[in-house]
Every structure is written in structure tokens, then in C-alpha cells.
């Protein structure tokens, strides 16, 4: 019974509510497209999420935090290759250029989260809140999918 209750609460917290993935700030809009979470194999300790953040304003925006009700912790990471060795580097913040965009994608910038207690599979989704240095916040709903599917 306790496991059923936990699963129900988890699903309610992680099922996104209808909304928009953009925020209108004093200096212009931020928006997110193509958000998705990579389906991980059973027993995986970490999950990764990707998206494109668009900054249609005339000023750079700085993403300096992400949180989610579905994950205890969300980290900003970047994949780098140095001397032929690939590794992940923790980032405190990520700058999105004025009038430009930044792709969080495999092999580059991405979000890392510890796997939830209940495995997320293709067709599930989770919500994130992206926090920017100037106080703007964007709510993002990201579907879970296998990396080999569009």
C-alpha cells in the first residue's frame, strides 16, 4: 500500500500541467523548445535532459539553476574532450546570448539528474523550472524518449 501511495504521489508530481515554456521578462522573452529526457536503462543512476533555450531579448541571459519535483537535484553539465578523453564538467551557470539560442544536447551542455525511484520510460514526462540570474523562471515539460527516436 505504501509503495502504491508513493507511486501515485510521484506520478502526480511529475505529470506536467498545461502551460507554456516561456517567460516574458523586462528585457524580452525567453523560450524553450525541443525539451526531452533520455530514457535510461533499468538501474541507471543518472538521467540526462536536453532542450534549446532561445533568448529573443537584446541582453544575454544567464541560466544559473534548475529544479524539479521529479528529481531531488538537477545539475548543469557540459561534456568536453581533452587529450582524447571525454568527461563531464559541472557548470555553475550557462550564458544564452542576446538574440541567440543555446542547444543542450548530447555531447555538449545538458542537465544531469539522479534517477527517480520509479523508472521513467518513453511516453512519461517530467517538469523542470529553469531559473535565470535576473529572476526569470521558465517551466518546461520534457517527454521521456529513447535516444534513437526523433
N, C-alpha and C. Protein backbone atom coordinates (compact mmCIF):
# COMPACT_ATOMS: atom_id res chain seq x y z
N UNK A 1 0.83 -1.20 0.00
CA UNK A 1 0.00 0.00 0.00
C UNK A 1 0.87 1.26 0.00
N UNK A 2 1.94 1.23 0.82
CA UNK A 2 2.81 2.40 0.89
C UNK A 2 3.50 2.64 -0.47
N UNK A 3 3.90 1.57 -1.15
CA UNK A 3 4.53 1.71 -2.47
C UNK A 3 3.54 2.30 -3.48
N UNK A 4 2.27 1.87 -3.42
CA UNK A 4 1.25 2.41 -4.31
C UNK A 4 1.06 3.90 -4.06
N UNK A 5 1.01 4.30 -2.80
CA UNK A 5 0.84 5.71 -2.45
C UNK A 5 2.02 6.53 -2.96
N UNK A 6 3.25 6.02 -2.77
CA UNK A 6 4.42 6.73 -3.25
C UNK A 6 4.37 6.88 -4.77
N UNK A 7 4.02 5.81 -5.48
CA UNK A 7 3.96 5.86 -6.94
C UNK A 7 2.92 6.87 -7.41
N UNK A 8 1.78 6.93 -6.72
CA UNK A 8 0.73 7.87 -7.08
C UNK A 8 1.20 9.31 -6.88
N UNK A 9 1.83 9.59 -5.74
CA UNK A 9 2.33 10.94 -5.46
C UNK A 9 3.40 11.31 -6.47
N UNK A 10 4.29 10.37 -6.81
CA UNK A 10 5.35 10.61 -7.78
C UNK A 10 4.76 10.98 -9.14
N UNK A 11 3.78 10.22 -9.59
CA UNK A 11 3.18 10.47 -10.89
C UNK A 11 2.47 11.82 -10.93
N UNK A 12 1.78 12.18 -9.86
CA UNK A 12 1.10 13.47 -9.81
C UNK A 12 2.12 14.60 -9.87
N UNK A 13 3.24 14.45 -9.16
CA UNK A 13 4.26 15.50 -9.15
C UNK A 13 4.95 15.63 -10.49
N UNK A 14 5.05 14.54 -11.23
CA UNK A 14 5.83 14.56 -12.47
C UNK A 14 5.00 14.74 -13.73
N UNK A 15 3.70 14.58 -13.65
CA UNK A 15 2.88 14.79 -14.84
C UNK A 15 2.72 16.29 -15.03
N UNK A 16 3.13 16.81 -16.16
CA UNK A 16 3.08 18.25 -16.35
C UNK A 16 1.65 18.76 -16.51
N UNK A 17 1.45 19.97 -16.06
CA UNK A 17 0.19 20.64 -16.26
C UNK A 17 0.30 21.48 -17.51
N UNK A 18 -0.80 21.71 -18.22
CA UNK A 18 -0.73 22.51 -19.43
C UNK A 18 -0.14 23.88 -19.13
N UNK A 19 0.70 24.34 -20.00
CA UNK A 19 1.32 25.63 -19.79
C UNK A 19 2.26 25.94 -20.93
N UNK A 20 2.99 26.99 -20.76
CA UNK A 20 3.90 27.42 -21.80
C UNK A 20 5.33 27.33 -21.31
N UNK A 21 6.24 27.09 -22.19
CA UNK A 21 7.65 27.02 -21.83
C UNK A 21 8.32 28.33 -22.21
N UNK A 22 7.78 29.41 -21.72
CA UNK A 22 8.43 30.69 -21.96
C UNK A 22 8.10 31.65 -20.83
N UNK A 23 8.94 32.65 -20.69
CA UNK A 23 8.73 33.68 -19.68
C UNK A 23 8.99 35.02 -20.33
N UNK A 24 8.16 35.97 -20.05
CA UNK A 24 8.36 37.31 -20.60
C UNK A 24 9.01 38.15 -19.51
N UNK A 25 10.24 38.55 -19.71
CA UNK A 25 10.95 39.37 -18.74
C UNK A 25 10.91 40.84 -19.14
N UNK A 26 11.51 41.65 -18.30
CA UNK A 26 11.52 43.09 -18.56
C UNK A 26 12.30 43.43 -19.82
N UNK A 27 13.30 42.62 -20.16
CA UNK A 27 14.13 42.93 -21.32
C UNK A 27 13.83 42.03 -22.51
N UNK A 28 12.84 41.16 -22.42
CA UNK A 28 12.49 40.34 -23.57
C UNK A 28 12.22 38.90 -23.19
N UNK A 29 11.68 38.14 -24.13
CA UNK A 29 11.24 36.78 -23.83
C UNK A 29 12.37 35.74 -23.89
N UNK A 30 12.20 34.76 -23.08
CA UNK A 30 12.98 33.52 -23.12
C UNK A 30 12.01 32.42 -23.46
N UNK A 31 12.44 31.46 -24.25
CA UNK A 31 11.57 30.32 -24.54
C UNK A 31 12.41 29.08 -24.74
N UNK A 32 11.76 27.94 -24.53
CA UNK A 32 12.43 26.65 -24.64
C UNK A 32 11.69 25.80 -25.67
N UNK A 33 12.45 25.13 -26.53
CA UNK A 33 11.88 24.20 -27.50
C UNK A 33 12.65 22.89 -27.42
N UNK A 34 12.05 21.86 -27.98
CA UNK A 34 12.69 20.55 -28.15
C UNK A 34 13.22 19.94 -26.85
N UNK A 35 12.50 20.14 -25.75
CA UNK A 35 12.94 19.56 -24.47
C UNK A 35 12.64 18.06 -24.46
N UNK A 36 13.59 17.27 -23.96
CA UNK A 36 13.37 15.83 -23.81
C UNK A 36 14.35 15.25 -22.80
N UNK A 37 13.97 14.12 -22.25
CA UNK A 37 14.80 13.39 -21.30
C UNK A 37 15.16 12.06 -21.92
N UNK A 38 16.43 11.71 -21.84
CA UNK A 38 16.89 10.43 -22.40
C UNK A 38 16.42 9.28 -21.50
N UNK A 39 15.70 8.33 -22.10
CA UNK A 39 15.31 7.14 -21.35
C UNK A 39 16.57 6.37 -20.98
N UNK A 40 16.72 6.05 -19.73
CA UNK A 40 17.91 5.35 -19.25
C UNK A 40 17.59 3.87 -19.09
N UNK A 41 18.61 3.03 -19.17
CA UNK A 41 18.37 1.61 -18.95
C UNK A 41 18.00 1.35 -17.49
N UNK A 42 17.35 0.22 -17.22
CA UNK A 42 17.00 -0.11 -15.83
C UNK A 42 18.25 -0.09 -14.94
N UNK A 43 18.10 0.50 -13.78
CA UNK A 43 19.20 0.55 -12.82
C UNK A 43 20.16 1.70 -13.02
N UNK A 44 19.95 2.53 -14.03
CA UNK A 44 20.84 3.67 -14.27
C UNK A 44 20.77 4.64 -13.09
N UNK A 45 21.91 5.18 -12.70
CA UNK A 45 21.97 6.08 -11.55
C UNK A 45 21.66 7.53 -11.92
N UNK A 46 21.85 7.89 -13.19
CA UNK A 46 21.64 9.27 -13.61
C UNK A 46 20.84 9.32 -14.91
N UNK A 47 20.12 10.42 -15.09
CA UNK A 47 19.40 10.70 -16.32
C UNK A 47 19.90 12.03 -16.88
N UNK A 48 19.72 12.23 -18.18
CA UNK A 48 20.11 13.48 -18.82
C UNK A 48 18.91 14.08 -19.54
N UNK A 49 18.85 15.41 -19.55
CA UNK A 49 17.79 16.13 -20.25
C UNK A 49 18.42 17.15 -21.19
N UNK A 50 17.70 17.39 -22.30
CA UNK A 50 18.19 18.27 -23.35
C UNK A 50 17.08 19.22 -23.79
N UNK A 51 17.45 20.33 -24.39
CA UNK A 51 16.49 21.32 -24.88
C UNK A 51 17.24 22.42 -25.59
N UNK A 52 16.51 23.30 -26.24
CA UNK A 52 17.09 24.51 -26.81
C UNK A 52 16.47 25.69 -26.09
N UNK A 53 17.33 26.58 -25.59
CA UNK A 53 16.87 27.79 -24.90
C UNK A 53 17.10 28.96 -25.85
N UNK A 54 16.02 29.67 -26.17
CA UNK A 54 16.06 30.82 -27.07
C UNK A 54 15.98 32.10 -26.26
N UNK A 55 16.82 33.06 -26.60
CA UNK A 55 16.82 34.36 -25.94
C UNK A 55 16.55 35.41 -27.00
N UNK A 56 15.30 35.85 -27.08
CA UNK A 56 14.91 36.83 -28.09
C UNK A 56 15.08 38.27 -27.62
N UNK A 57 15.78 38.45 -26.51
CA UNK A 57 15.97 39.80 -25.98
C UNK A 57 17.29 40.39 -26.49
N UNK A 58 17.53 41.64 -26.13
CA UNK A 58 18.74 42.34 -26.54
C UNK A 58 19.86 42.19 -25.52
N UNK A 59 19.63 41.40 -24.47
CA UNK A 59 20.65 41.19 -23.43
C UNK A 59 20.90 39.71 -23.24
N UNK A 60 22.17 39.36 -22.94
CA UNK A 60 22.48 37.98 -22.60
C UNK A 60 21.67 37.58 -21.37
N UNK A 61 21.31 36.31 -21.28
CA UNK A 61 20.63 35.76 -20.11
C UNK A 61 21.51 34.66 -19.54
N UNK A 62 21.50 34.50 -18.23
CA UNK A 62 22.33 33.51 -17.58
C UNK A 62 21.45 32.52 -16.82
N UNK A 63 21.47 31.27 -17.26
CA UNK A 63 20.78 30.19 -16.56
C UNK A 63 21.67 29.79 -15.39
N UNK A 64 21.17 29.96 -14.16
CA UNK A 64 22.02 29.66 -13.01
C UNK A 64 21.42 28.64 -12.04
N UNK A 65 20.32 27.98 -12.45
CA UNK A 65 19.77 26.94 -11.61
C UNK A 65 18.57 26.27 -12.26
N UNK A 66 18.37 25.01 -11.91
CA UNK A 66 17.25 24.23 -12.40
C UNK A 66 16.77 23.36 -11.25
N UNK A 67 15.46 23.25 -11.10
CA UNK A 67 14.92 22.31 -10.11
C UNK A 67 13.72 21.60 -10.70
N UNK A 68 13.32 20.53 -10.03
CA UNK A 68 12.22 19.70 -10.50
C UNK A 68 11.61 18.97 -9.31
N UNK A 69 10.30 18.80 -9.34
CA UNK A 69 9.64 17.99 -8.31
C UNK A 69 9.90 16.50 -8.53
N UNK A 70 10.35 16.13 -9.72
CA UNK A 70 10.57 14.73 -10.05
C UNK A 70 11.96 14.24 -9.69
N UNK A 71 12.88 15.17 -9.48
CA UNK A 71 14.26 14.81 -9.20
C UNK A 71 14.74 15.60 -7.99
N UNK A 72 15.49 14.94 -7.12
CA UNK A 72 15.98 15.60 -5.92
C UNK A 72 16.99 16.69 -6.22
N UNK A 73 17.68 16.57 -7.35
CA UNK A 73 18.75 17.51 -7.67
C UNK A 73 18.91 17.56 -9.18
N UNK A 74 19.09 18.74 -9.74
CA UNK A 74 19.32 18.90 -11.17
C UNK A 74 20.60 19.73 -11.33
N UNK A 75 21.54 19.21 -12.12
CA UNK A 75 22.83 19.88 -12.30
C UNK A 75 23.03 20.30 -13.75
N UNK A 76 23.70 21.43 -13.92
CA UNK A 76 24.11 21.89 -15.25
C UNK A 76 25.47 21.26 -15.55
N UNK A 77 25.58 20.59 -16.68
CA UNK A 77 26.83 19.93 -17.07
C UNK A 77 27.18 20.26 -18.50
N UNK A 78 28.44 20.01 -18.83
CA UNK A 78 28.92 20.13 -20.20
C UNK A 78 29.89 18.98 -20.44
N UNK A 79 29.75 18.33 -21.59
CA UNK A 79 30.68 17.27 -21.97
C UNK A 79 31.85 17.91 -22.71
N UNK A 80 33.05 17.52 -22.35
CA UNK A 80 34.25 18.03 -23.01
C UNK A 80 35.17 16.85 -23.32
N UNK A 81 36.00 17.03 -24.34
CA UNK A 81 37.02 16.03 -24.66
C UNK A 81 38.37 16.72 -24.59
N UNK A 82 39.23 16.21 -23.73
CA UNK A 82 40.58 16.76 -23.56
C UNK A 82 41.58 15.62 -23.71
N UNK A 83 42.53 15.80 -24.61
CA UNK A 83 43.55 14.78 -24.87
C UNK A 83 42.92 13.43 -25.19
N UNK A 84 41.83 13.47 -25.94
CA UNK A 84 41.17 12.25 -26.37
C UNK A 84 40.31 11.58 -25.32
N UNK A 85 40.15 12.22 -24.16
CA UNK A 85 39.34 11.64 -23.08
C UNK A 85 38.10 12.50 -22.85
N UNK A 86 36.93 11.88 -22.98
CA UNK A 86 35.67 12.59 -22.76
C UNK A 86 35.32 12.56 -21.28
N UNK A 87 34.82 13.70 -20.79
CA UNK A 87 34.36 13.76 -19.40
C UNK A 87 33.31 14.84 -19.27
N UNK A 88 32.61 14.82 -18.14
CA UNK A 88 31.60 15.84 -17.88
C UNK A 88 32.15 16.85 -16.88
N UNK A 89 31.80 18.11 -17.11
CA UNK A 89 32.23 19.20 -16.25
C UNK A 89 30.99 19.87 -15.68
N UNK A 90 30.96 20.06 -14.36
CA UNK A 90 29.85 20.78 -13.72
C UNK A 90 29.96 22.26 -14.08
N UNK A 91 28.84 22.87 -14.41
CA UNK A 91 28.78 24.30 -14.73
C UNK A 91 27.89 24.99 -13.69
N UNK A 92 28.35 26.10 -13.13
CA UNK A 92 27.53 26.87 -12.19
C UNK A 92 26.44 27.65 -12.91
N UNK A 93 26.73 28.04 -14.15
CA UNK A 93 25.77 28.80 -14.94
C UNK A 93 26.09 28.62 -16.41
N UNK A 94 25.09 28.95 -17.24
CA UNK A 94 25.25 28.88 -18.69
C UNK A 94 24.68 30.16 -19.28
N UNK A 95 25.46 30.81 -20.14
CA UNK A 95 25.05 32.07 -20.77
C UNK A 95 24.34 31.79 -22.09
N UNK A 96 23.17 32.42 -22.26
CA UNK A 96 22.44 32.34 -23.52
C UNK A 96 22.58 33.71 -24.18
N UNK A 97 23.20 33.78 -25.37
CA UNK A 97 23.50 35.08 -25.97
C UNK A 97 22.25 35.85 -26.39
N UNK A 98 22.35 37.16 -26.33
CA UNK A 98 21.26 38.05 -26.77
C UNK A 98 20.92 37.75 -28.22
N UNK A 99 19.63 37.61 -28.51
CA UNK A 99 19.20 37.35 -29.87
C UNK A 99 19.62 36.00 -30.40
N UNK A 100 20.02 35.10 -29.52
CA UNK A 100 20.50 33.79 -29.96
C UNK A 100 19.86 32.66 -29.19
N UNK A 101 20.47 31.51 -29.29
CA UNK A 101 19.96 30.34 -28.59
C UNK A 101 21.12 29.44 -28.19
N UNK A 102 20.84 28.53 -27.30
CA UNK A 102 21.83 27.56 -26.85
C UNK A 102 21.17 26.19 -26.82
N UNK A 103 21.78 25.24 -27.50
CA UNK A 103 21.27 23.86 -27.51
C UNK A 103 21.92 23.06 -26.40
N UNK A 104 21.10 22.49 -25.54
CA UNK A 104 21.57 21.49 -24.59
C UNK A 104 21.34 20.17 -25.30
N UNK A 105 22.42 19.45 -25.62
CA UNK A 105 22.33 18.27 -26.46
C UNK A 105 23.40 17.26 -26.06
N UNK A 106 23.22 16.00 -26.46
CA UNK A 106 24.25 15.00 -26.15
C UNK A 106 25.61 15.46 -26.67
N UNK A 107 26.63 15.31 -25.84
CA UNK A 107 27.98 15.69 -26.22
C UNK A 107 28.30 17.15 -25.99
N UNK A 108 27.39 17.90 -25.36
CA UNK A 108 27.57 19.32 -25.13
C UNK A 108 26.97 19.67 -23.77
N UNK A 109 26.36 20.85 -23.67
CA UNK A 109 25.66 21.22 -22.44
C UNK A 109 24.44 20.32 -22.27
N UNK A 110 24.09 20.00 -21.03
CA UNK A 110 22.92 19.18 -20.73
C UNK A 110 22.60 19.28 -19.24
N UNK A 111 21.43 18.76 -18.86
CA UNK A 111 21.05 18.67 -17.46
C UNK A 111 21.29 17.24 -16.99
N UNK A 112 21.81 17.08 -15.79
CA UNK A 112 22.01 15.75 -15.19
C UNK A 112 21.18 15.68 -13.92
N UNK A 113 20.48 14.55 -13.75
CA UNK A 113 19.64 14.36 -12.58
C UNK A 113 19.80 12.92 -12.09
N UNK A 114 19.76 12.73 -10.75
CA UNK A 114 19.73 11.36 -10.25
C UNK A 114 18.44 10.69 -10.69
N UNK A 115 18.54 9.42 -11.03
CA UNK A 115 17.35 8.68 -11.48
C UNK A 115 16.31 8.68 -10.36
N UNK A 116 15.04 8.88 -10.70
CA UNK A 116 13.99 8.83 -9.68
C UNK A 116 13.77 7.41 -9.18
N UNK A 117 13.08 7.27 -8.07
CA UNK A 117 12.80 5.94 -7.51
C UNK A 117 12.00 5.08 -8.47
N UNK A 118 11.07 5.69 -9.18
CA UNK A 118 10.28 4.99 -10.18
C UNK A 118 10.86 5.30 -11.55
N UNK A 119 11.26 4.29 -12.29
CA UNK A 119 11.92 4.48 -13.59
C UNK A 119 11.00 5.22 -14.57
N UNK A 120 11.55 6.21 -15.25
CA UNK A 120 10.84 6.92 -16.30
C UNK A 120 11.12 6.24 -17.63
N UNK A 121 10.08 5.98 -18.41
CA UNK A 121 10.23 5.31 -19.70
C UNK A 121 9.60 6.17 -20.79
N UNK A 122 9.90 5.83 -22.03
CA UNK A 122 9.35 6.57 -23.17
C UNK A 122 7.85 6.73 -23.00
N UNK A 123 7.37 7.94 -23.22
CA UNK A 123 5.96 8.25 -23.05
C UNK A 123 5.68 8.98 -21.75
N UNK A 124 6.55 8.83 -20.74
CA UNK A 124 6.42 9.59 -19.50
C UNK A 124 6.91 11.02 -19.76
N UNK A 125 6.74 11.87 -18.78
CA UNK A 125 7.31 13.22 -18.88
C UNK A 125 7.61 13.74 -17.50
N UNK A 126 8.39 14.79 -17.44
CA UNK A 126 8.75 15.43 -16.17
C UNK A 126 8.85 16.93 -16.41
N UNK A 127 8.64 17.69 -15.36
CA UNK A 127 8.70 19.15 -15.44
C UNK A 127 9.96 19.67 -14.77
N UNK A 128 10.49 20.76 -15.31
CA UNK A 128 11.64 21.45 -14.76
C UNK A 128 11.31 22.92 -14.64
N UNK A 129 11.96 23.59 -13.70
CA UNK A 129 11.91 25.04 -13.61
C UNK A 129 13.33 25.56 -13.84
N UNK A 130 13.50 26.35 -14.90
CA UNK A 130 14.79 26.95 -15.21
C UNK A 130 14.82 28.33 -14.57
N UNK A 131 15.87 28.59 -13.79
CA UNK A 131 16.00 29.86 -13.07
C UNK A 131 17.15 30.66 -13.67
N UNK A 132 16.86 31.92 -13.97
CA UNK A 132 17.85 32.79 -14.58
C UNK A 132 18.32 33.83 -13.58
N UNK A 133 19.53 34.30 -13.80
CA UNK A 133 20.21 35.23 -12.90
C UNK A 133 19.37 36.48 -12.60
N UNK A 134 18.57 36.93 -13.57
CA UNK A 134 17.77 38.15 -13.39
C UNK A 134 16.43 37.89 -12.71
N UNK A 135 16.18 36.67 -12.26
CA UNK A 135 14.94 36.35 -11.56
C UNK A 135 13.87 35.70 -12.41
N UNK A 136 14.06 35.64 -13.73
CA UNK A 136 13.08 34.99 -14.60
C UNK A 136 13.11 33.48 -14.36
N UNK A 137 11.96 32.86 -14.52
CA UNK A 137 11.82 31.41 -14.39
C UNK A 137 10.98 30.89 -15.54
N UNK A 138 11.38 29.75 -16.09
CA UNK A 138 10.63 29.10 -17.15
C UNK A 138 10.26 27.71 -16.68
N UNK A 139 9.00 27.35 -16.81
CA UNK A 139 8.52 25.99 -16.54
C UNK A 139 8.60 25.21 -17.84
N UNK A 140 9.27 24.06 -17.81
CA UNK A 140 9.48 23.25 -19.01
C UNK A 140 8.96 21.84 -18.77
N UNK A 141 8.17 21.33 -19.69
CA UNK A 141 7.70 19.95 -19.65
C UNK A 141 8.52 19.17 -20.68
N UNK A 142 9.14 18.08 -20.24
CA UNK A 142 10.01 17.31 -21.12
C UNK A 142 9.55 15.86 -21.20
N UNK A 143 9.23 15.38 -22.40
CA UNK A 143 8.88 13.97 -22.54
C UNK A 143 10.13 13.09 -22.45
N UNK A 144 9.93 11.88 -22.00
CA UNK A 144 11.00 10.89 -21.95
C UNK A 144 10.95 10.12 -23.27
N UNK A 145 12.13 9.92 -23.87
CA UNK A 145 12.17 9.15 -25.10
C UNK A 145 13.51 8.44 -25.23
N UNK A 146 13.51 7.41 -26.05
CA UNK A 146 14.76 6.71 -26.35
C UNK A 146 15.60 7.60 -27.23
N UNK A 147 16.91 7.57 -27.08
CA UNK A 147 17.76 8.49 -27.87
C UNK A 147 17.74 8.19 -29.37
N UNK A 148 17.32 7.00 -29.76
CA UNK A 148 17.31 6.66 -31.19
C UNK A 148 16.00 7.06 -31.87
N UNK A 149 15.07 7.68 -31.13
CA UNK A 149 13.80 8.12 -31.71
C UNK A 149 13.80 9.63 -31.85
N UNK A 150 13.15 10.16 -32.87
CA UNK A 150 13.10 11.63 -33.04
C UNK A 150 12.19 12.30 -32.01
